[in-house]
C-alpha cells in the first residue's frame, strides 16, 4: 500500500510542474515616462559645445554627455564614479573633477 501512494505522488508531481510552466506569466503594466523629463530643454552655450545646440529632453542630454565622457575616456580609472573634466567639460562643470551624481545636478543648471 505504501508503494502505491509513492507511485501516485510521483506521477502527480511531474504533471503539476508542466501545468505551472505552461501557464503564461502575468504581464506587468507598462511605465509611462514622466513628461517633465521628456520636455525639450535648450542647452547653454557651454553645454551646446558637447551635446549640440538644438533642444533635447533631459534624458538625451545625459546620454550625450555620457557618450562624450566615454569617447574621450574622462572617467577616472580607479574610481569610475568620478569624471575628470577636459577643457570643454570644465567650462560646464567649473571643476577639474566631479562625481557622476554631482554632474547631473550641475548639468541641469545649464538647461532652460
PDB file of N, CA and C in Angstrom:
ATOM      1  N   UNK A   1       0.808  -1.182   0.000  1.00  0.00           N
ATOM      2  CA  UNK A   1       0.000   0.000   0.000  1.00  0.00           C
ATOM      3  C   UNK A   1       0.864   1.264   0.000  1.00  0.00           C
ATOM      4  N   UNK A   2       1.979   1.255   0.736  1.00  0.00           N
ATOM      5  CA  UNK A   2       2.865   2.401   0.786  1.00  0.00           C
ATOM      6  C   UNK A   2       3.489   2.641  -0.579  1.00  0.00           C
ATOM      7  N   UNK A   3       3.796   1.599  -1.294  1.00  0.00           N
ATOM      8  CA  UNK A   3       4.383   1.770  -2.620  1.00  0.00           C
ATOM      9  C   UNK A   3       3.378   2.355  -3.597  1.00  0.00           C
ATOM     10  N   UNK A   4       2.107   2.063  -3.420  1.00  0.00           N
ATOM     11  CA  UNK A   4       1.075   2.614  -4.296  1.00  0.00           C
ATOM     12  C   UNK A   4       0.950   4.126  -4.084  1.00  0.00           C
ATOM     13  N   UNK A   5       1.039   4.567  -2.823  1.00  0.00           N
ATOM     14  CA  UNK A   5       0.960   6.004  -2.543  1.00  0.00           C
ATOM     15  C   UNK A   5       2.165   6.736  -3.127  1.00  0.00           C
ATOM     16  N   UNK A   6       3.371   6.134  -3.001  1.00  0.00           N
ATOM     17  CA  UNK A   6       4.569   6.756  -3.536  1.00  0.00           C
ATOM     18  C   UNK A   6       4.485   6.863  -5.049  1.00  0.00           C
ATOM     19  N   UNK A   7       3.961   5.843  -5.687  1.00  0.00           N
ATOM     20  CA  UNK A   7       3.834   5.857  -7.133  1.00  0.00           C
ATOM     21  C   UNK A   7       2.830   6.911  -7.574  1.00  0.00           C
ATOM     22  N   UNK A   8       1.755   7.080  -6.825  1.00  0.00           N
ATOM     23  CA  UNK A   8       0.738   8.073  -7.174  1.00  0.00           C
ATOM     24  C   UNK A   8       1.286   9.491  -7.026  1.00  0.00           C
ATOM     25  N   UNK A   9       2.040   9.750  -5.957  1.00  0.00           N
ATOM     26  CA  UNK A   9       2.584  11.092  -5.766  1.00  0.00           C
ATOM     27  C   UNK A   9       3.689  11.385  -6.774  1.00  0.00           C
ATOM     28  N   UNK A  10       4.445  10.387  -7.151  1.00  0.00           N
ATOM     29  CA  UNK A  10       5.499  10.574  -8.137  1.00  0.00           C
ATOM     30  C   UNK A  10       4.896  10.935  -9.487  1.00  0.00           C
ATOM     31  N   UNK A  11       3.764  10.337  -9.820  1.00  0.00           N
ATOM     32  CA  UNK A  11       3.119  10.645 -11.091  1.00  0.00           C
ATOM     33  C   UNK A  11       2.461  12.019 -11.047  1.00  0.00           C
ATOM     34  N   UNK A  12       1.956  12.432  -9.918  1.00  0.00           N
ATOM     35  CA  UNK A  12       1.256  13.705  -9.805  1.00  0.00           C
ATOM     36  C   UNK A  12       2.231  14.885  -9.851  1.00  0.00           C
ATOM     37  N   UNK A  13       3.423  14.719  -9.333  1.00  0.00           N
ATOM     38  CA  UNK A  13       4.380  15.813  -9.266  1.00  0.00           C
ATOM     39  C   UNK A  13       4.790  16.313 -10.651  1.00  0.00           C
ATOM     40  N   UNK A  14       5.148  15.436 -11.602  1.00  0.00           N
ATOM     41  CA  UNK A  14       5.528  15.954 -12.908  1.00  0.00           C
ATOM     42  C   UNK A  14       4.356  16.632 -13.626  1.00  0.00           C
ATOM     43  N   UNK A  15       3.164  16.163 -13.391  1.00  0.00           N
ATOM     44  CA  UNK A  15       2.011  16.774 -14.037  1.00  0.00           C
ATOM     45  C   UNK A  15       1.816  18.197 -13.517  1.00  0.00           C
ATOM     46  N   UNK A  16       2.064  18.427 -12.247  1.00  0.00           N
ATOM     47  CA  UNK A  16       1.909  19.752 -11.662  1.00  0.00           C
ATOM     48  C   UNK A  16       2.965  20.708 -12.218  1.00  0.00           C
ATOM     49  N   UNK A  17       4.174  20.215 -12.421  1.00  0.00           N
ATOM     50  CA  UNK A  17       5.241  21.066 -12.947  1.00  0.00           C
ATOM     51  C   UNK A  17       4.928  21.526 -14.365  1.00  0.00           C
ATOM     52  N   UNK A  18       4.398  20.643 -15.185  1.00  0.00           N
ATOM     53  CA  UNK A  18       4.131  21.015 -16.570  1.00  0.00           C
ATOM     54  C   UNK A  18       3.006  22.032 -16.662  1.00  0.00           C
ATOM     55  N   UNK A  19       2.038  21.963 -15.763  1.00  0.00           N
ATOM     56  CA  UNK A  19       0.947  22.931 -15.829  1.00  0.00           C
ATOM     57  C   UNK A  19       1.421  24.313 -15.399  1.00  0.00           C
ATOM     58  N   UNK A  20       2.335  24.392 -14.419  1.00  0.00           N
ATOM     59  CA  UNK A  20       2.837  25.697 -13.986  1.00  0.00           C
ATOM     60  C   UNK A  20       3.704  26.331 -15.064  1.00  0.00           C
ATOM     61  N   UNK A  21       4.580  25.573 -15.685  1.00  0.00           N
ATOM     62  CA  UNK A  21       5.477  26.143 -16.684  1.00  0.00           C
ATOM     63  C   UNK A  21       4.730  26.493 -17.962  1.00  0.00           C
ATOM     64  N   UNK A  22       3.618  25.846 -18.232  1.00  0.00           N
ATOM     65  CA  UNK A  22       2.863  26.128 -19.433  1.00  0.00           C
ATOM     66  C   UNK A  22       2.006  27.381 -19.275  1.00  0.00           C
ATOM     67  N   UNK A  23       1.694  27.774 -18.052  1.00  0.00           N
ATOM     68  CA  UNK A  23       0.858  28.948 -17.824  1.00  0.00           C
ATOM     69  C   UNK A  23       1.666  30.212 -18.124  1.00  0.00           C
ATOM     70  N   UNK A  24       1.089  31.181 -18.853  1.00  0.00           N
ATOM     71  CA  UNK A  24       1.818  32.409 -19.169  1.00  0.00           C
ATOM     72  C   UNK A  24       1.969  33.292 -17.934  1.00  0.00           C
ATOM     73  N   UNK A  25       3.082  33.982 -17.864  1.00  0.00           N
ATOM     74  CA  UNK A  25       3.345  34.873 -16.730  1.00  0.00           C
ATOM     75  C   UNK A  25       2.503  36.129 -16.883  1.00  0.00           C
ATOM     76  N   UNK A  26       2.053  36.686 -15.785  1.00  0.00           N
ATOM     77  CA  UNK A  26       1.252  37.904 -15.825  1.00  0.00           C
ATOM     78  C   UNK A  26       2.143  39.067 -16.255  1.00  0.00           C
ATOM     79  N   UNK A  27       1.705  39.835 -17.233  1.00  0.00           N
ATOM     80  CA  UNK A  27       2.487  40.953 -17.747  1.00  0.00           C
ATOM     81  C   UNK A  27       2.339  42.162 -16.838  1.00  0.00           C
ATOM     82  N   UNK A  28       3.465  42.798 -16.546  1.00  0.00           N
ATOM     83  CA  UNK A  28       3.451  43.997 -15.704  1.00  0.00           C
ATOM     84  C   UNK A  28       2.971  45.172 -16.550  1.00  0.00           C
ATOM     85  N   UNK A  29       2.259  46.122 -15.951  1.00  0.00           N
ATOM     86  CA  UNK A  29       1.798  47.271 -16.734  1.00  0.00           C
ATOM     87  C   UNK A  29       2.982  48.121 -17.182  1.00  0.00           C
ATOM     88  N   UNK A  30       2.900  48.683 -18.397  1.00  0.00           N
ATOM     89  CA  UNK A  30       3.993  49.490 -18.935  1.00  0.00           C
ATOM     90  C   UNK A  30       4.081  50.818 -18.202  1.00  0.00           C
ATOM     91  N   UNK A  31       5.306  51.261 -17.945  1.00  0.00           N
ATOM     92  CA  UNK A  31       5.518  52.544 -17.284  1.00  0.00           C
ATOM     93  C   UNK A  31       5.531  53.634 -18.340  1.00  0.00           C
ATOM     94  N   UNK A  32       4.889  54.734 -18.044  1.00  0.00           N
ATOM     95  CA  UNK A  32       4.930  55.865 -18.958  1.00  0.00           C
ATOM     96  C   UNK A  32       5.976  56.851 -18.452  1.00  0.00           C
ATOM     97  N   UNK A  33       6.766  57.434 -19.350  1.00  0.00           N
ATOM     98  CA  UNK A  33       7.810  58.351 -18.903  1.00  0.00           C
ATOM     99  C   UNK A  33       7.204  59.640 -18.343  1.00  0.00           C
ATOM    100  N   UNK A  34       7.911  60.222 -17.394  1.00  0.00           N
ATOM    101  CA  UNK A  34       7.476  61.469 -16.788  1.00  0.00           C
ATOM    102  C   UNK A  34       7.587  62.581 -17.833  1.00  0.00           C
ATOM    103  N   UNK A  35       6.547  63.365 -17.991  1.00  0.00           N
ATOM    104  CA  UNK A  35       6.523  64.423 -19.011  1.00  0.00           C
ATOM    105  C   UNK A  35       7.599  65.472 -18.766  1.00  0.00           C
ATOM    106  N   UNK A  36       7.944  65.712 -17.512  1.00  0.00           N
ATOM    107  CA  UNK A  36       8.976  66.705 -17.206  1.00  0.00           C
ATOM    108  C   UNK A  36      10.342  66.287 -17.751  1.00  0.00           C
ATOM    109  N   UNK A  37      10.634  65.007 -17.762  1.00  0.00           N
ATOM    110  CA  UNK A  37      11.916  64.527 -18.290  1.00  0.00           C
ATOM    111  C   UNK A  37      11.935  64.539 -19.812  1.00  0.00           C
ATOM    112  N   UNK A  38      10.776  64.462 -20.441  1.00  0.00           N
ATOM    113  CA  UNK A  38      10.706  64.367 -21.893  1.00  0.00           C
ATOM    114  C   UNK A  38      10.540  65.733 -22.572  1.00  0.00           C
ATOM    115  N   UNK A  39      10.375  66.805 -21.793  1.00  0.00           N
ATOM    116  CA  UNK A  39      10.215  68.140 -22.351  1.00  0.00           C
ATOM    117  C   UNK A  39      11.553  68.611 -22.931  1.00  0.00           C
ATOM    118  N   UNK A  40      11.581  69.048 -24.201  1.00  0.00           N
ATOM    119  CA  UNK A  40      12.841  69.536 -24.780  1.00  0.00           C
ATOM    120  C   UNK A  40      13.345  70.786 -24.059  1.00  0.00           C
ATOM    121  N   UNK A  41      14.617  70.763 -23.694  1.00  0.00           N
ATOM    122  CA  UNK A  41      15.256  71.877 -22.996  1.00  0.00           C
ATOM    123  C   UNK A  41      16.391  72.410 -23.873  1.00  0.00           C
ATOM    124  N   UNK A  42      16.616  73.714 -23.819  1.00  0.00           N
ATOM    125  CA  UNK A  42      17.678  74.330 -24.597  1.00  0.00           C
ATOM    126  C   UNK A  42      18.958  74.360 -23.762  1.00  0.00           C
ATOM    127  N   UNK A  43      20.051  73.789 -24.271  1.00  0.00           N
ATOM    128  CA  UNK A  43      21.306  73.809 -23.505  1.00  0.00           C
ATOM    129  C   UNK A  43      21.996  75.166 -23.576  1.00  0.00           C
ATOM    130  N   UNK A  44      22.804  75.479 -22.573  1.00  0.00           N
ATOM    131  CA  UNK A  44      23.586  76.715 -22.570  1.00  0.00           C
ATOM    132  C   UNK A  44      24.674  76.610 -23.644  1.00  0.00           C
ATOM    133  N   UNK A  45      25.356  77.708 -23.899  1.00  0.00           N
ATOM    134  CA  UNK A  45      26.396  77.719 -24.930  1.00  0.00           C
ATOM    135  C   UNK A  45      27.519  76.737 -24.597  1.00  0.00           C
ATOM    136  N   UNK A  46      27.899  76.667 -23.307  1.00  0.00           N
ATOM    137  CA  UNK A  46      28.975  75.750 -22.901  1.00  0.00           C
ATOM    138  C   UNK A  46      28.559  74.293 -23.094  1.00  0.00           C
ATOM    139  N   UNK A  47      27.323  73.980 -22.717  1.00  0.00           N
ATOM    140  CA  UNK A  47      26.829  72.612 -22.854  1.00  0.00           C
ATOM    141  C   UNK A  47      26.561  72.265 -24.311  1.00  0.00           C
ATOM    142  N   UNK A  48      26.181  73.264 -25.107  1.00  0.00           N
ATOM    143  CA  UNK A  48      25.914  73.039 -26.535  1.00  0.00           C
ATOM    144  C   UNK A  48      27.178  72.587 -27.272  1.00  0.00           C
ATOM    145  N   UNK A  49      28.351  72.950 -26.769  1.00  0.00           N
ATOM    146  CA  UNK A  49      29.608  72.502 -27.382  1.00  0.00           C
ATOM    147  C   UNK A  49      29.768  70.989 -27.273  1.00  0.00           C
ATOM    148  N   UNK A  50      29.094  70.381 -26.293  1.00  0.00           N
ATOM    149  CA  UNK A  50      29.195  68.932 -26.079  1.00  0.00           C
ATOM    150  C   UNK A  50      28.023  68.184 -26.695  1.00  0.00           C
ATOM    151  N   UNK A  51      26.796  68.671 -26.457  1.00  0.00           N
ATOM    152  CA  UNK A  51      25.600  67.914 -26.871  1.00  0.00           C
ATOM    153  C   UNK A  51      24.919  68.463 -28.117  1.00  0.00           C
ATOM    154  N   UNK A  52      25.287  69.652 -28.579  1.00  0.00           N
ATOM    155  CA  UNK A  52      24.631  70.258 -29.726  1.00  0.00           C
ATOM    156  C   UNK A  52      23.683  71.357 -29.262  1.00  0.00           C
ATOM    157  N   UNK A  53      23.338  72.259 -30.175  1.00  0.00           N
ATOM    158  CA  UNK A  53      22.564  73.447 -29.812  1.00  0.00           C
ATOM    159  C   UNK A  53      21.059  73.239 -29.835  1.00  0.00           C
ATOM    160  N   UNK A  54      20.578  72.185 -30.494  1.00  0.00           N
ATOM    161  CA  UNK A  54      19.118  72.035 -30.589  1.00  0.00           C
ATOM    162  C   UNK A  54      18.521  71.545 -29.270  1.00  0.00           C
ATOM    163  N   UNK A  55      17.259  71.891 -28.996  1.00  0.00           N
ATOM    164  CA  UNK A  55      16.614  71.464 -27.750  1.00  0.00           C
ATOM    165  C   UNK A  55      16.486  69.943 -27.662  1.00  0.00           C
ATOM    166  N   UNK A  56      16.808  69.405 -26.498  1.00  0.00           N
ATOM    167  CA  UNK A  56      16.753  67.963 -26.238  1.00  0.00           C
ATOM    168  C   UNK A  56      16.110  67.716 -24.883  1.00  0.00           C
ATOM    169  N   UNK A  57      15.467  66.553 -24.706  1.00  0.00           N
ATOM    170  CA  UNK A  57      14.987  66.186 -23.364  1.00  0.00           C
ATOM    171  C   UNK A  57      16.171  65.936 -22.426  1.00  0.00           C
ATOM    172  N   UNK A  58      15.936  66.074 -21.128  1.00  0.00           N
ATOM    173  CA  UNK A  58      16.996  65.861 -20.133  1.00  0.00           C
ATOM    174  C   UNK A  58      17.656  64.496 -20.279  1.00  0.00           C
ATOM    175  N   UNK A  59      16.853  63.490 -20.580  1.00  0.00           N
ATOM    176  CA  UNK A  59      17.399  62.135 -20.701  1.00  0.00           C
ATOM    177  C   UNK A  59      18.400  62.049 -21.844  1.00  0.00           C
ATOM    178  N   UNK A  60      18.092  62.701 -22.963  1.00  0.00           N
ATOM    179  CA  UNK A  60      19.004  62.681 -24.113  1.00  0.00           C
ATOM    180  C   UNK A  60      20.264  63.484 -23.832  1.00  0.00           C
ATOM    181  N   UNK A  61      20.140  64.598 -23.112  1.00  0.00           N
ATOM    182  CA  UNK A  61      21.307  65.405 -22.752  1.00  0.00           C
ATOM    183  C   UNK A  61      22.259  64.556 -21.918  1.00  0.00           C
ATOM    184  N   UNK A  62      21.721  63.850 -20.931  1.00  0.00           N
ATOM    185  CA  UNK A  62      22.554  62.996 -20.078  1.00  0.00           C
ATOM    186  C   UNK A  62      23.230  61.907 -20.900  1.00  0.00           C
ATOM    187  N   UNK A  63      22.496  61.287 -21.817  1.00  0.00           N
ATOM    188  CA  UNK A  63      23.085  60.242 -22.674  1.00  0.00           C
ATOM    189  C   UNK A  63      24.229  60.794 -23.508  1.00  0.00           C
ATOM    190  N   UNK A  64      24.026  61.973 -24.093  1.00  0.00           N
ATOM    191  CA  UNK A  64      25.065  62.562 -24.942  1.00  0.00           C
ATOM    192  C   UNK A  64      26.297  62.963 -24.132  1.00  0.00           C
ATOM    193  N   UNK A  65      26.096  63.452 -22.917  1.00  0.00           N
ATOM    194  CA  UNK A  65      27.238  63.803 -22.063  1.00  0.00           C
ATOM    195  C   UNK A  65      28.014  62.534 -21.719  1.00  0.00           C
ATOM    196  N   UNK A  66      27.312  61.441 -21.407  1.00  0.00           N
ATOM    197  CA  UNK A  66      27.998  60.179 -21.098  1.00  0.00           C
ATOM    198  C   UNK A  66      28.721  59.634 -22.332  1.00  0.00           C
ATOM    199  N   UNK A  67      28.144  59.792 -23.517  1.00  0.00           N
ATOM    200  CA  UNK A  67      28.836  59.369 -24.744  1.00  0.00           C
ATOM    201  C   UNK A  67      30.141  60.144 -24.897  1.00  0.00           C
ATOM    202  N   UNK A  68      30.088  61.451 -24.642  1.00  0.00           N
ATOM    203  CA  UNK A  68      31.277  62.300 -24.726  1.00  0.00           C
ATOM    204  C   UNK A  68      32.332  61.859 -23.708  1.00  0.00           C
ATOM    205  N   UNK A  69      31.893  61.575 -22.485  1.00  0.00           N
ATOM    206  CA  UNK A  69      32.818  61.143 -21.431  1.00  0.00           C
ATOM    207  C   UNK A  69      33.491  59.829 -21.802  1.00  0.00           C
ATOM    208  N   UNK A  70      32.712  58.874 -22.293  1.00  0.00           N
ATOM    209  CA  UNK A  70      33.277  57.560 -22.650  1.00  0.00           C
ATOM    210  C   UNK A  70      34.191  57.670 -23.868  1.00  0.00           C
ATOM    211  N   UNK A  71      33.764  58.489 -24.866  1.00  0.00           N
ATOM    212  CA  UNK A  71      34.563  58.635 -26.088  1.00  0.00           C
ATOM    213  C   UNK A  71      35.923  59.239 -25.791  1.00  0.00           C
ATOM    214  N   UNK A  72      35.968  60.208 -24.887  1.00  0.00           N
ATOM    215  CA  UNK A  72      37.216  60.887 -24.547  1.00  0.00           C
ATOM    216  C   UNK A  72      37.911  60.301 -23.326  1.00  0.00           C
ATOM    217  N   UNK A  73      37.392  59.184 -22.808  1.00  0.00           N
ATOM    218  CA  UNK A  73      37.973  58.466 -21.669  1.00  0.00           C
ATOM    219  C   UNK A  73      38.212  59.396 -20.486  1.00  0.00           C
ATOM    220  N   UNK A  74      37.131  60.077 -20.069  1.00  0.00           N
ATOM    221  CA  UNK A  74      37.228  61.040 -18.967  1.00  0.00           C
ATOM    222  C   UNK A  74      36.827  60.455 -17.625  1.00  0.00           C
ATOM    223  N   UNK A  75      36.390  59.199 -17.617  1.00  0.00           N
ATOM    224  CA  UNK A  75      36.042  58.550 -16.352  1.00  0.00           C
ATOM    225  C   UNK A  75      37.333  58.177 -15.622  1.00  0.00           C
ATOM    226  N   UNK A  76      37.379  58.432 -14.324  1.00  0.00           N
ATOM    227  CA  UNK A  76      38.560  58.124 -13.536  1.00  0.00           C
ATOM    228  C   UNK A  76      38.816  56.617 -13.562  1.00  0.00           C
ATOM    229  N   UNK A  77      40.063  56.214 -13.734  1.00  0.00           N
ATOM    230  CA  UNK A  77      40.397  54.789 -13.856  1.00  0.00           C
ATOM    231  C   UNK A  77      40.200  54.027 -12.548  1.00  0.00           C
ATOM    232  N   UNK A  78      40.518  54.649 -11.424  1.00  0.00           N
ATOM    233  CA  UNK A  78      40.419  53.943 -10.146  1.00  0.00           C
ATOM    234  C   UNK A  78      39.021  54.016  -9.549  1.00  0.00           C
ATOM    235  N   UNK A  79      38.363  55.158  -9.662  1.00  0.00           N
ATOM    236  CA  UNK A  79      37.017  55.337  -9.119  1.00  0.00           C
ATOM    237  C   UNK A  79      36.098  55.758 -10.267  1.00  0.00           C
ATOM    238  N   UNK A  80      35.369  54.817 -10.831  1.00  0.00           N
ATOM    239  CA  UNK A  80      34.549  55.057 -12.019  1.00  0.00           C
ATOM    240  C   UNK A  80      33.422  56.055 -11.789  1.00  0.00           C
ATOM    241  N   UNK A  81      33.121  56.374 -10.525  1.00  0.00           N
ATOM    242  CA  UNK A  81      32.060  57.342 -10.241  1.00  0.00           C
ATOM    243  C   UNK A  81      32.524  58.779 -10.435  1.00  0.00           C
ATOM    244  N   UNK A  82      33.818  58.984 -10.586  1.00  0.00           N
ATOM    245  CA  UNK A  82      34.372  60.327 -10.741  1.00  0.00           C
ATOM    246  C   UNK A  82      34.669  60.606 -12.211  1.00  0.00           C
ATOM    247  N   UNK A  83      34.375  61.837 -12.638  1.00  0.00           N
ATOM    248  CA  UNK A  83      34.615  62.258 -14.015  1.00  0.00           C
ATOM    249  C   UNK A  83      35.683  63.346 -13.995  1.00  0.00           C
ATOM    250  N   UNK A  84      36.735  63.143 -14.793  1.00  0.00           N
ATOM    251  CA  UNK A  84      37.806  64.124 -14.931  1.00  0.00           C
ATOM    252  C   UNK A  84      37.448  65.023 -16.109  1.00  0.00           C
ATOM    253  N   UNK A  85      37.372  66.321 -15.887  1.00  0.00           N
ATOM    254  CA  UNK A  85      36.939  67.250 -16.925  1.00  0.00           C
ATOM    255  C   UNK A  85      38.084  67.632 -17.850  1.00  0.00           C
ATOM    256  N   UNK A  86      37.779  67.646 -19.169  1.00  0.00           N
ATOM    257  CA  UNK A  86      38.710  68.213 -20.133  1.00  0.00           C
ATOM    258  C   UNK A  86      38.309  69.678 -20.322  1.00  0.00           C
ATOM    259  N   UNK A  87      38.849  70.379 -21.329  1.00  0.00           N
ATOM    260  CA  UNK A  87      38.587  71.811 -21.495  1.00  0.00           C
ATOM    261  C   UNK A  87      37.102  72.110 -21.718  1.00  0.00           C
ATOM    262  N   UNK A  88      36.444  71.332 -22.607  1.00  0.00           N
ATOM    263  CA  UNK A  88      35.024  71.578 -22.887  1.00  0.00           C
ATOM    264  C   UNK A  88      34.153  71.276 -21.679  1.00  0.00           C
ATOM    265  N   UNK A  89      34.425  70.171 -21.018  1.00  0.00           N
ATOM    266  CA  UNK A  89      33.611  69.764 -19.880  1.00  0.00           C
ATOM    267  C   UNK A  89      33.874  70.655 -18.660  1.00  0.00           C
ATOM    268  N   UNK A  90      35.084  71.170 -18.549  1.00  0.00           N
ATOM    269  CA  UNK A  90      35.405  72.050 -17.425  1.00  0.00           C
ATOM    270  C   UNK A  90      34.641  73.365 -17.525  1.00  0.00           C
ATOM    271  N   UNK A  91      34.336  73.811 -18.765  1.00  0.00           N
ATOM    272  CA  UNK A  91      33.542  75.027 -18.959  1.00  0.00           C
ATOM    273  C   UNK A  91      32.131  74.838 -18.406  1.00  0.00           C
ATOM    274  N   UNK A  92      31.625  73.608 -18.456  1.00  0.00           N
ATOM    275  CA  UNK A  92      30.288  73.311 -17.946  1.00  0.00           C
ATOM    276  C   UNK A  92      30.340  73.040 -16.444  1.00  0.00           C
ATOM    277  N   UNK A  93      31.261  72.195 -16.017  1.00  0.00           N
ATOM    278  CA  UNK A  93      31.301  71.730 -14.633  1.00  0.00           C
ATOM    279  C   UNK A  93      31.960  72.699 -13.658  1.00  0.00           C
ATOM    280  N   UNK A  94      32.863  73.557 -14.149  1.00  0.00           N
ATOM    281  CA  UNK A  94      33.585  74.541 -13.332  1.00  0.00           C
ATOM    282  C   UNK A  94      34.528  73.920 -12.306  1.00  0.00           C
ATOM    283  N   UNK A  95      34.786  72.614 -12.412  1.00  0.00           N
ATOM    284  CA  UNK A  95      35.699  71.901 -11.515  1.00  0.00           C
ATOM    285  C   UNK A  95      36.524  70.923 -12.343  1.00  0.00           C
ATOM    286  N   UNK A  96      37.726  70.570 -11.873  1.00  0.00           N
ATOM    287  CA  UNK A  96      38.524  69.589 -12.617  1.00  0.00           C
ATOM    288  C   UNK A  96      38.007  68.157 -12.480  1.00  0.00           C
ATOM    289  N   UNK A  97      37.295  67.863 -11.372  1.00  0.00           N
ATOM    290  CA  UNK A  97      36.764  66.513 -11.169  1.00  0.00           C
ATOM    291  C   UNK A  97      35.471  66.589 -10.363  1.00  0.00           C
ATOM    292  N   UNK A  98      34.444  65.836 -10.833  1.00  0.00           N
ATOM    293  CA  UNK A  98      33.159  65.788 -10.131  1.00  0.00           C
ATOM    294  C   UNK A  98      32.670  64.348 -10.097  1.00  0.00           C
ATOM    295  N   UNK A  99      31.748  64.058  -9.167  1.00  0.00           N
ATOM    296  CA  UNK A  99      31.146  62.725  -9.151  1.00  0.00           C
ATOM    297  C   UNK A  99      30.017  62.697 -10.170  1.00  0.00           C
ATOM    298  N   UNK A 100      29.629  61.502 -10.585  1.00  0.00           N
ATOM    299  CA  UNK A 100      28.583  61.380 -11.596  1.00  0.00           C
ATOM    300  C   UNK A 100      27.256  61.944 -11.095  1.00  0.00           C
ATOM    301  N   UNK A 101      26.997  61.888  -9.814  1.00  0.00           N
ATOM    302  CA  UNK A 101      25.753  62.399  -9.255  1.00  0.00           C
ATOM    303  C   UNK A 101      25.761  63.926  -9.228  1.00  0.00           C
ATOM    304  N   UNK A 102      26.906  64.494  -8.885  1.00  0.00           N
ATOM    305  CA  UNK A 102      27.056  65.940  -8.876  1.00  0.00           C
ATOM    306  C   UNK A 102      26.984  66.485 -10.302  1.00  0.00           C
ATOM    307  N   UNK A 103      27.485  65.710 -11.256  1.00  0.00           N
ATOM    308  CA  UNK A 103      27.493  66.126 -12.657  1.00  0.00           C
ATOM    309  C   UNK A 103      26.077  66.378 -13.171  1.00  0.00           C
ATOM    310  N   UNK A 104      25.135  65.491 -12.868  1.00  0.00           N
ATOM    311  CA  UNK A 104      23.769  65.667 -13.361  1.00  0.00           C
ATOM    312  C   UNK A 104      23.125  66.915 -12.754  1.00  0.00           C
ATOM    313  N   UNK A 105      23.438  67.220 -11.519  1.00  0.00           N
ATOM    314  CA  UNK A 105      22.910  68.415 -10.870  1.00  0.00           C
ATOM    315  C   UNK A 105      23.456  69.671 -11.544  1.00  0.00           C
ATOM    316  N   UNK A 106      24.741  69.671 -11.835  1.00  0.00           N
ATOM    317  CA  UNK A 106      25.381  70.830 -12.484  1.00  0.00           C
ATOM    318  C   UNK A 106      24.838  70.999 -13.903  1.00  0.00           C
ATOM    319  N   UNK A 107      24.661  69.913 -14.629  1.00  0.00           N
ATOM    320  CA  UNK A 107      24.174  69.983 -15.995  1.00  0.00           C
ATOM    321  C   UNK A 107      22.735  70.519 -16.045  1.00  0.00           C
ATOM    322  N   UNK A 108      21.923  70.165 -15.063  1.00  0.00           N
ATOM    323  CA  UNK A 108      20.538  70.651 -15.050  1.00  0.00           C
ATOM    324  C   UNK A 108      20.491  72.182 -14.935  1.00  0.00           C
ATOM    325  N   UNK A 109      21.501  72.782 -14.342  1.00  0.00           N
ATOM    326  CA  UNK A 109      21.561  74.239 -14.249  1.00  0.00           C
ATOM    327  C   UNK A 109      21.860  74.870 -15.614  1.00  0.00           C
ATOM    328  N   UNK A 110      22.399  74.097 -16.541  1.00  0.00           N
ATOM    329  CA  UNK A 110      22.736  74.590 -17.881  1.00  0.00           C
ATOM    330  C   UNK A 110      21.596  74.368 -18.882  1.00  0.00           C
ATOM    331  N   UNK A 111      20.448  73.907 -18.418  1.00  0.00           N
ATOM    332  CA  UNK A 111      19.298  73.685 -19.285  1.00  0.00           C
ATOM    333  C   UNK A 111      18.204  74.701 -18.963  1.00  0.00           C
ATOM    334  N   UNK A 112      17.579  75.213 -20.009  1.00  0.00           N
ATOM    335  CA  UNK A 112      16.472  76.143 -19.789  1.00  0.00           C
ATOM    336  C   UNK A 112      15.339  75.881 -20.765  1.00  0.00           C
TER     337      UNK A 112
END
